[in-house]
């Protein structure tokens, strides 16, 4: 749980770099869709305004390491009060 909270706090201390850091998006934890079923799930932290593809830069994207529970991290980003590692 320590690594999860540390990752959450570290992510919340930065801003999405899109449009010189003026992006108004929020961080989300999502599963990356793949075309093949043989690949393992790939989870990432990204900006929820990723769809804005104007030429103002790239939105935040970071692949999650295997030691982070993506479901619990997603609950933290969503403000879910039921976060528990039990």
PDB file of N, CA and C in Angstrom:
ATOM      1  N   UNK A   1       0.823  -1.191   0.000  1.00  0.00           N
ATOM      2  CA  UNK A   1       0.000   0.000   0.000  1.00  0.00           C
ATOM      3  C   UNK A   1       0.869   1.257   0.000  1.00  0.00           C
ATOM      4  N   UNK A   2       2.071   1.155   0.614  1.00  0.00           N
ATOM      5  CA  UNK A   2       2.974   2.299   0.676  1.00  0.00           C
ATOM      6  C   UNK A   2       3.335   2.804  -0.713  1.00  0.00           C
ATOM      7  N   UNK A   3       3.696   1.882  -1.625  1.00  0.00           N
ATOM      8  CA  UNK A   3       4.086   2.278  -2.979  1.00  0.00           C
ATOM      9  C   UNK A   3       2.916   2.907  -3.723  1.00  0.00           C
ATOM     10  N   UNK A   4       1.729   2.409  -3.477  1.00  0.00           N
ATOM     11  CA  UNK A   4       0.530   2.940  -4.109  1.00  0.00           C
ATOM     12  C   UNK A   4       0.299   4.392  -3.698  1.00  0.00           C
ATOM     13  N   UNK A   5       0.363   4.656  -2.420  1.00  0.00           N
ATOM     14  CA  UNK A   5       0.130   6.021  -1.930  1.00  0.00           C
ATOM     15  C   UNK A   5       1.255   6.943  -2.387  1.00  0.00           C
ATOM     16  N   UNK A   6       2.473   6.436  -2.367  1.00  0.00           N
ATOM     17  CA  UNK A   6       3.602   7.246  -2.836  1.00  0.00           C
ATOM     18  C   UNK A   6       3.439   7.619  -4.310  1.00  0.00           C
ATOM     19  N   UNK A   7       3.000   6.670  -5.135  1.00  0.00           N
ATOM     20  CA  UNK A   7       2.786   6.942  -6.557  1.00  0.00           C
ATOM     21  C   UNK A   7       1.665   7.963  -6.747  1.00  0.00           C
ATOM     22  N   UNK A   8       0.592   7.813  -5.984  1.00  0.00           N
ATOM     23  CA  UNK A   8      -0.531   8.752  -6.065  1.00  0.00           C
ATOM     24  C   UNK A   8      -0.076  10.168  -5.706  1.00  0.00           C
ATOM     25  N   UNK A   9       0.609  10.319  -4.584  1.00  0.00           N
ATOM     26  CA  UNK A   9       1.048  11.643  -4.146  1.00  0.00           C
ATOM     27  C   UNK A   9       2.051  12.254  -5.118  1.00  0.00           C
ATOM     28  N   UNK A  10       2.950  11.435  -5.654  1.00  0.00           N
ATOM     29  CA  UNK A  10       3.922  11.941  -6.630  1.00  0.00           C
ATOM     30  C   UNK A  10       3.228  12.422  -7.899  1.00  0.00           C
ATOM     31  N   UNK A  11       2.245  11.680  -8.354  1.00  0.00           N
ATOM     32  CA  UNK A  11       1.523  12.068  -9.567  1.00  0.00           C
ATOM     33  C   UNK A  11       0.717  13.334  -9.332  1.00  0.00           C
ATOM     34  N   UNK A  12       0.078  13.449  -8.182  1.00  0.00           N
ATOM     35  CA  UNK A  12      -0.746  14.625  -7.902  1.00  0.00           C
ATOM     36  C   UNK A  12       0.085  15.895  -7.713  1.00  0.00           C
ATOM     37  N   UNK A  13       1.393  15.752  -7.522  1.00  0.00           N
ATOM     38  CA  UNK A  13       2.235  16.928  -7.333  1.00  0.00           C
ATOM     39  C   UNK A  13       2.708  17.528  -8.657  1.00  0.00           C
ATOM     40  N   UNK A  14       2.360  16.899  -9.775  1.00  0.00           N
ATOM     41  CA  UNK A  14       2.761  17.411 -11.087  1.00  0.00           C
ATOM     42  C   UNK A  14       1.522  17.788 -11.895  1.00  0.00           C
ATOM     43  N   UNK A  15       1.744  18.370 -13.051  1.00  0.00           N
ATOM     44  CA  UNK A  15       0.656  18.740 -13.953  1.00  0.00           C
ATOM     45  C   UNK A  15       0.908  18.110 -15.316  1.00  0.00           C
ATOM     46  N   UNK A  16      -0.147  17.891 -16.040  1.00  0.00           N
ATOM     47  CA  UNK A  16      -0.018  17.392 -17.408  1.00  0.00           C
ATOM     48  C   UNK A  16       0.768  18.431 -18.217  1.00  0.00           C
ATOM     49  N   UNK A  17       1.780  18.017 -18.980  1.00  0.00           N
ATOM     50  CA  UNK A  17       2.620  18.970 -19.715  1.00  0.00           C
ATOM     51  C   UNK A  17       1.967  19.569 -20.961  1.00  0.00           C
ATOM     52  N   UNK A  18       0.793  19.099 -21.331  1.00  0.00           N
ATOM     53  CA  UNK A  18       0.135  19.581 -22.545  1.00  0.00           C
ATOM     54  C   UNK A  18      -0.081  21.092 -22.475  1.00  0.00           C
ATOM     55  N   UNK A  19       0.127  21.778 -23.569  1.00  0.00           N
ATOM     56  CA  UNK A  19      -0.079  23.225 -23.695  1.00  0.00           C
ATOM     57  C   UNK A  19       0.727  23.981 -22.633  1.00  0.00           C
ATOM     58  N   UNK A  20       1.996  23.620 -22.525  1.00  0.00           N
ATOM     59  CA  UNK A  20       2.908  24.248 -21.552  1.00  0.00           C
ATOM     60  C   UNK A  20       2.392  24.166 -20.126  1.00  0.00           C
ATOM     61  N   UNK A  21       1.771  23.059 -19.770  1.00  0.00           N
ATOM     62  CA  UNK A  21       1.290  22.840 -18.401  1.00  0.00           C
ATOM     63  C   UNK A  21      -0.045  23.481 -18.088  1.00  0.00           C
ATOM     64  N   UNK A  22      -0.719  24.025 -19.104  1.00  0.00           N
ATOM     65  CA  UNK A  22      -2.023  24.668 -18.880  1.00  0.00           C
ATOM     66  C   UNK A  22      -3.197  23.723 -19.063  1.00  0.00           C
ATOM     67  N   UNK A  23      -2.911  22.448 -19.264  1.00  0.00           N
ATOM     68  CA  UNK A  23      -3.968  21.461 -19.457  1.00  0.00           C
ATOM     69  C   UNK A  23      -4.865  21.419 -18.221  1.00  0.00           C
ATOM     70  N   UNK A  24      -6.147  21.338 -18.421  1.00  0.00           N
ATOM     71  CA  UNK A  24      -7.112  21.297 -17.325  1.00  0.00           C
ATOM     72  C   UNK A  24      -7.572  19.871 -17.019  1.00  0.00           C
ATOM     73  N   UNK A  25      -6.891  18.882 -17.593  1.00  0.00           N
ATOM     74  CA  UNK A  25      -7.271  17.487 -17.395  1.00  0.00           C
ATOM     75  C   UNK A  25      -6.929  16.973 -16.007  1.00  0.00           C
ATOM     76  N   UNK A  26      -7.531  15.849 -15.666  1.00  0.00           N
ATOM     77  CA  UNK A  26      -7.289  15.165 -14.401  1.00  0.00           C
ATOM     78  C   UNK A  26      -6.606  13.828 -14.691  1.00  0.00           C
ATOM     79  N   UNK A  27      -5.854  13.332 -13.728  1.00  0.00           N
ATOM     80  CA  UNK A  27      -5.193  12.046 -13.920  1.00  0.00           C
ATOM     81  C   UNK A  27      -6.179  10.899 -13.721  1.00  0.00           C
ATOM     82  N   UNK A  28      -6.026   9.874 -14.535  1.00  0.00           N
ATOM     83  CA  UNK A  28      -6.841   8.671 -14.442  1.00  0.00           C
ATOM     84  C   UNK A  28      -5.919   7.461 -14.534  1.00  0.00           C
ATOM     85  N   UNK A  29      -6.394   6.343 -14.033  1.00  0.00           N
ATOM     86  CA  UNK A  29      -5.679   5.077 -14.154  1.00  0.00           C
ATOM     87  C   UNK A  29      -6.552   4.174 -15.018  1.00  0.00           C
ATOM     88  N   UNK A  30      -6.014   3.750 -16.159  1.00  0.00           N
ATOM     89  CA  UNK A  30      -6.811   2.963 -17.105  1.00  0.00           C
ATOM     90  C   UNK A  30      -5.996   1.803 -17.661  1.00  0.00           C
ATOM     91  N   UNK A  31      -6.730   0.851 -18.213  1.00  0.00           N
ATOM     92  CA  UNK A  31      -6.101  -0.284 -18.890  1.00  0.00           C
ATOM     93  C   UNK A  31      -5.955   0.067 -20.367  1.00  0.00           C
ATOM     94  N   UNK A  32      -4.777  -0.159 -20.891  1.00  0.00           N
ATOM     95  CA  UNK A  32      -4.519   0.094 -22.304  1.00  0.00           C
ATOM     96  C   UNK A  32      -5.104  -1.051 -23.109  1.00  0.00           C
ATOM     97  N   UNK A  33      -5.905  -0.718 -24.087  1.00  0.00           N
ATOM     98  CA  UNK A  33      -6.484  -1.764 -24.921  1.00  0.00           C
ATOM     99  C   UNK A  33      -5.434  -2.255 -25.915  1.00  0.00           C
ATOM    100  N   UNK A  34      -5.471  -3.557 -26.161  1.00  0.00           N
ATOM    101  CA  UNK A  34      -4.542  -4.161 -27.099  1.00  0.00           C
ATOM    102  C   UNK A  34      -5.327  -4.917 -28.159  1.00  0.00           C
ATOM    103  N   UNK A  35      -4.688  -5.129 -29.265  1.00  0.00           N
ATOM    104  CA  UNK A  35      -5.338  -5.823 -30.380  1.00  0.00           C
ATOM    105  C   UNK A  35      -5.270  -7.338 -30.236  1.00  0.00           C
ATOM    106  N   UNK A  36      -4.333  -7.826 -29.424  1.00  0.00           N
ATOM    107  CA  UNK A  36      -4.182  -9.272 -29.279  1.00  0.00           C
ATOM    108  C   UNK A  36      -4.537  -9.696 -27.862  1.00  0.00           C
ATOM    109  N   UNK A  37      -5.033 -10.886 -27.717  1.00  0.00           N
ATOM    110  CA  UNK A  37      -5.428 -11.380 -26.402  1.00  0.00           C
ATOM    111  C   UNK A  37      -4.288 -12.072 -25.665  1.00  0.00           C
ATOM    112  N   UNK A  38      -3.140 -12.246 -26.303  1.00  0.00           N
ATOM    113  CA  UNK A  38      -2.027 -12.938 -25.662  1.00  0.00           C
ATOM    114  C   UNK A  38      -1.216 -12.010 -24.753  1.00  0.00           C
ATOM    115  N   UNK A  39      -1.361 -10.717 -24.919  1.00  0.00           N
ATOM    116  CA  UNK A  39      -0.613  -9.777 -24.091  1.00  0.00           C
ATOM    117  C   UNK A  39      -1.254  -9.663 -22.709  1.00  0.00           C
ATOM    118  N   UNK A  40      -0.433  -9.429 -21.712  1.00  0.00           N
ATOM    119  CA  UNK A  40      -0.968  -9.181 -20.379  1.00  0.00           C
ATOM    120  C   UNK A  40      -1.506  -7.756 -20.313  1.00  0.00           C
ATOM    121  N   UNK A  41      -2.353  -7.521 -19.332  1.00  0.00           N
ATOM    122  CA  UNK A  41      -2.929  -6.186 -19.184  1.00  0.00           C
ATOM    123  C   UNK A  41      -1.826  -5.155 -18.940  1.00  0.00           C
ATOM    124  N   UNK A  42      -1.949  -4.032 -19.622  1.00  0.00           N
ATOM    125  CA  UNK A  42      -1.028  -2.922 -19.430  1.00  0.00           C
ATOM    126  C   UNK A  42      -1.839  -1.757 -18.884  1.00  0.00           C
ATOM    127  N   UNK A  43      -1.514  -1.335 -17.662  1.00  0.00           N
ATOM    128  CA  UNK A  43      -2.209  -0.229 -17.021  1.00  0.00           C
ATOM    129  C   UNK A  43      -1.325   1.006 -17.070  1.00  0.00           C
ATOM    130  N   UNK A  44      -1.962   2.168 -17.100  1.00  0.00           N
ATOM    131  CA  UNK A  44      -1.199   3.405 -17.160  1.00  0.00           C
ATOM    132  C   UNK A  44      -1.913   4.521 -16.406  1.00  0.00           C
ATOM    133  N   UNK A  45      -1.142   5.533 -16.062  1.00  0.00           N
ATOM    134  CA  UNK A  45      -1.690   6.786 -15.549  1.00  0.00           C
ATOM    135  C   UNK A  45      -1.630   7.749 -16.721  1.00  0.00           C
ATOM    136  N   UNK A  46      -2.724   8.413 -16.973  1.00  0.00           N
ATOM    137  CA  UNK A  46      -2.746   9.362 -18.071  1.00  0.00           C
ATOM    138  C   UNK A  46      -3.696  10.507 -17.784  1.00  0.00           C
ATOM    139  N   UNK A  47      -3.688  11.457 -18.669  1.00  0.00           N
ATOM    140  CA  UNK A  47      -4.556  12.618 -18.569  1.00  0.00           C
ATOM    141  C   UNK A  47      -5.903  12.282 -19.213  1.00  0.00           C
ATOM    142  N   UNK A  48      -7.002  12.661 -18.557  1.00  0.00           N
ATOM    143  CA  UNK A  48      -8.313  12.337 -19.122  1.00  0.00           C
ATOM    144  C   UNK A  48      -8.685  13.218 -20.311  1.00  0.00           C
ATOM    145  N   UNK A  49      -7.860  14.177 -20.662  1.00  0.00           N
ATOM    146  CA  UNK A  49      -8.113  15.011 -21.844  1.00  0.00           C
ATOM    147  C   UNK A  49      -7.186  14.617 -23.003  1.00  0.00           C
ATOM    148  N   UNK A  50      -6.751  13.373 -23.031  1.00  0.00           N
ATOM    149  CA  UNK A  50      -5.827  12.880 -24.046  1.00  0.00           C
ATOM    150  C   UNK A  50      -6.343  13.071 -25.459  1.00  0.00           C
ATOM    151  N   UNK A  51      -7.650  13.139 -25.621  1.00  0.00           N
ATOM    152  CA  UNK A  51      -8.267  13.233 -26.950  1.00  0.00           C
ATOM    153  C   UNK A  51      -7.951  14.554 -27.631  1.00  0.00           C
ATOM    154  N   UNK A  52      -7.518  15.585 -26.891  1.00  0.00           N
ATOM    155  CA  UNK A  52      -7.170  16.876 -27.491  1.00  0.00           C
ATOM    156  C   UNK A  52      -5.823  16.717 -28.183  1.00  0.00           C
ATOM    157  N   UNK A  53      -5.849  16.549 -29.482  1.00  0.00           N
ATOM    158  CA  UNK A  53      -4.640  16.258 -30.245  1.00  0.00           C
ATOM    159  C   UNK A  53      -4.098  17.489 -30.984  1.00  0.00           C
ATOM    160  N   UNK A  54      -4.467  18.692 -30.526  1.00  0.00           N
ATOM    161  CA  UNK A  54      -3.941  19.885 -31.184  1.00  0.00           C
ATOM    162  C   UNK A  54      -2.423  19.926 -31.015  1.00  0.00           C
ATOM    163  N   UNK A  55      -1.765  20.751 -31.749  1.00  0.00           N
ATOM    164  CA  UNK A  55      -0.299  20.755 -31.773  1.00  0.00           C
ATOM    165  C   UNK A  55       0.287  21.563 -30.621  1.00  0.00           C
ATOM    166  N   UNK A  56      -0.158  21.252 -29.425  1.00  0.00           N
ATOM    167  CA  UNK A  56       0.329  21.968 -28.251  1.00  0.00           C
ATOM    168  C   UNK A  56       1.157  21.056 -27.350  1.00  0.00           C
ATOM    169  N   UNK A  57       1.560  19.894 -27.851  1.00  0.00           N
ATOM    170  CA  UNK A  57       2.381  18.979 -27.076  1.00  0.00           C
ATOM    171  C   UNK A  57       1.678  17.669 -26.781  1.00  0.00           C
ATOM    172  N   UNK A  58       2.235  16.915 -25.851  1.00  0.00           N
ATOM    173  CA  UNK A  58       1.700  15.613 -25.488  1.00  0.00           C
ATOM    174  C   UNK A  58       1.107  15.653 -24.086  1.00  0.00           C
ATOM    175  N   UNK A  59       0.074  14.868 -23.888  1.00  0.00           N
ATOM    176  CA  UNK A  59      -0.525  14.738 -22.573  1.00  0.00           C
ATOM    177  C   UNK A  59       0.283  13.742 -21.745  1.00  0.00           C
ATOM    178  N   UNK A  60       0.076  13.780 -20.437  1.00  0.00           N
ATOM    179  CA  UNK A  60       0.808  12.910 -19.515  1.00  0.00           C
ATOM    180  C   UNK A  60       0.434  11.448 -19.762  1.00  0.00           C
ATOM    181  N   UNK A  61       1.435  10.593 -19.770  1.00  0.00           N
ATOM    182  CA  UNK A  61       1.240   9.153 -19.920  1.00  0.00           C
ATOM    183  C   UNK A  61       2.389   8.457 -19.215  1.00  0.00           C
ATOM    184  N   UNK A  62       2.060   7.509 -18.348  1.00  0.00           N
ATOM    185  CA  UNK A  62       3.090   6.729 -17.660  1.00  0.00           C
ATOM    186  C   UNK A  62       2.578   5.315 -17.440  1.00  0.00           C
ATOM    187  N   UNK A  63       3.312   4.347 -17.925  1.00  0.00           N
ATOM    188  CA  UNK A  63       2.962   2.939 -17.728  1.00  0.00           C
ATOM    189  C   UNK A  63       3.171   2.586 -16.263  1.00  0.00           C
ATOM    190  N   UNK A  64       2.212   1.878 -15.682  1.00  0.00           N
ATOM    191  CA  UNK A  64       2.327   1.457 -14.290  1.00  0.00           C
ATOM    192  C   UNK A  64       3.250   0.254 -14.162  1.00  0.00           C
ATOM    193  N   UNK A  65       4.019   0.239 -13.097  1.00  0.00           N
ATOM    194  CA  UNK A  65       4.843  -0.927 -12.799  1.00  0.00           C
ATOM    195  C   UNK A  65       3.964  -1.991 -12.165  1.00  0.00           C
ATOM    196  N   UNK A  66       4.421  -3.221 -12.184  1.00  0.00           N
ATOM    197  CA  UNK A  66       3.634  -4.347 -11.683  1.00  0.00           C
ATOM    198  C   UNK A  66       3.376  -4.307 -10.182  1.00  0.00           C
ATOM    199  N   UNK A  67       4.156  -3.532  -9.419  1.00  0.00           N
ATOM    200  CA  UNK A  67       3.967  -3.511  -7.968  1.00  0.00           C
ATOM    201  C   UNK A  67       2.892  -2.514  -7.517  1.00  0.00           C
ATOM    202  N   UNK A  68       2.212  -1.872  -8.454  1.00  0.00           N
ATOM    203  CA  UNK A  68       1.139  -0.922  -8.143  1.00  0.00           C
ATOM    204  C   UNK A  68      -0.197  -1.544  -8.521  1.00  0.00           C
ATOM    205  N   UNK A  69      -1.139  -1.545  -7.606  1.00  0.00           N
ATOM    206  CA  UNK A  69      -2.484  -2.069  -7.877  1.00  0.00           C
ATOM    207  C   UNK A  69      -3.271  -1.003  -8.643  1.00  0.00           C
ATOM    208  N   UNK A  70      -3.571  -1.228  -9.917  1.00  0.00           N
ATOM    209  CA  UNK A  70      -4.240  -0.203 -10.724  1.00  0.00           C
ATOM    210  C   UNK A  70      -5.670   0.091 -10.268  1.00  0.00           C
ATOM    211  N   UNK A  71      -6.340  -0.887  -9.708  1.00  0.00           N
ATOM    212  CA  UNK A  71      -7.720  -0.678  -9.253  1.00  0.00           C
ATOM    213  C   UNK A  71      -7.730   0.276  -8.053  1.00  0.00           C
ATOM    214  N   UNK A  72      -6.859   0.017  -7.089  1.00  0.00           N
ATOM    215  CA  UNK A  72      -6.789   0.896  -5.922  1.00  0.00           C
ATOM    216  C   UNK A  72      -6.314   2.294  -6.300  1.00  0.00           C
ATOM    217  N   UNK A  73      -5.340   2.387  -7.196  1.00  0.00           N
ATOM    218  CA  UNK A  73      -4.863   3.691  -7.632  1.00  0.00           C
ATOM    219  C   UNK A  73      -5.974   4.461  -8.333  1.00  0.00           C
ATOM    220  N   UNK A  74      -6.732   3.781  -9.168  1.00  0.00           N
ATOM    221  CA  UNK A  74      -7.868   4.417  -9.833  1.00  0.00           C
ATOM    222  C   UNK A  74      -8.884   4.943  -8.838  1.00  0.00           C
ATOM    223  N   UNK A  75      -9.116   4.186  -7.765  1.00  0.00           N
ATOM    224  CA  UNK A  75     -10.042   4.645  -6.729  1.00  0.00           C
ATOM    225  C   UNK A  75      -9.524   5.913  -6.057  1.00  0.00           C
ATOM    226  N   UNK A  76      -8.219   5.989  -5.829  1.00  0.00           N
ATOM    227  CA  UNK A  76      -7.650   7.202  -5.250  1.00  0.00           C
ATOM    228  C   UNK A  76      -7.859   8.398  -6.175  1.00  0.00           C
ATOM    229  N   UNK A  77      -7.586   8.220  -7.468  1.00  0.00           N
ATOM    230  CA  UNK A  77      -7.767   9.309  -8.422  1.00  0.00           C
ATOM    231  C   UNK A  77      -9.231   9.742  -8.509  1.00  0.00           C
ATOM    232  N   UNK A  78     -10.141   8.791  -8.333  1.00  0.00           N
ATOM    233  CA  UNK A  78     -11.576   9.101  -8.402  1.00  0.00           C
ATOM    234  C   UNK A  78     -12.136   9.618  -7.091  1.00  0.00           C
ATOM    235  N   UNK A  79     -11.328   9.635  -6.026  1.00  0.00           N
ATOM    236  CA  UNK A  79     -11.800  10.103  -4.730  1.00  0.00           C
ATOM    237  C   UNK A  79     -12.703   9.106  -4.032  1.00  0.00           C
ATOM    238  N   UNK A  80     -12.601   7.843  -4.392  1.00  0.00           N
ATOM    239  CA  UNK A  80     -13.427   6.797  -3.791  1.00  0.00           C
ATOM    240  C   UNK A  80     -13.024   6.590  -2.327  1.00  0.00           C
ATOM    241  N   UNK A  81     -13.961   6.657  -1.447  1.00  0.00           N
ATOM    242  CA  UNK A  81     -13.688   6.540  -0.016  1.00  0.00           C
ATOM    243  C   UNK A  81     -13.526   5.094   0.453  1.00  0.00           C
ATOM    244  N   UNK A  82     -13.708   4.122  -0.430  1.00  0.00           N
ATOM    245  CA  UNK A  82     -13.632   2.718  -0.039  1.00  0.00           C
ATOM    246  C   UNK A  82     -12.285   2.088  -0.347  1.00  0.00           C
ATOM    247  N   UNK A  83     -11.243   2.878  -0.471  1.00  0.00           N
ATOM    248  CA  UNK A  83      -9.928   2.338  -0.786  1.00  0.00           C
ATOM    249  C   UNK A  83      -9.418   1.520   0.391  1.00  0.00           C
ATOM    250  N   UNK A  84      -9.092   0.256   0.112  1.00  0.00           N
ATOM    251  CA  UNK A  84      -8.590  -0.656   1.137  1.00  0.00           C
ATOM    252  C   UNK A  84      -7.741  -1.713   0.461  1.00  0.00           C
ATOM    253  N   UNK A  85      -6.721  -2.169   1.133  1.00  0.00           N
ATOM    254  CA  UNK A  85      -5.893  -3.224   0.559  1.00  0.00           C
ATOM    255  C   UNK A  85      -6.256  -4.585   1.122  1.00  0.00           C
ATOM    256  N   UNK A  86      -7.422  -4.716   1.730  1.00  0.00           N
ATOM    257  CA  UNK A  86      -7.874  -5.990   2.303  1.00  0.00           C
ATOM    258  C   UNK A  86      -8.741  -6.753   1.334  1.00  0.00           C
TER     259      UNK A  86
END
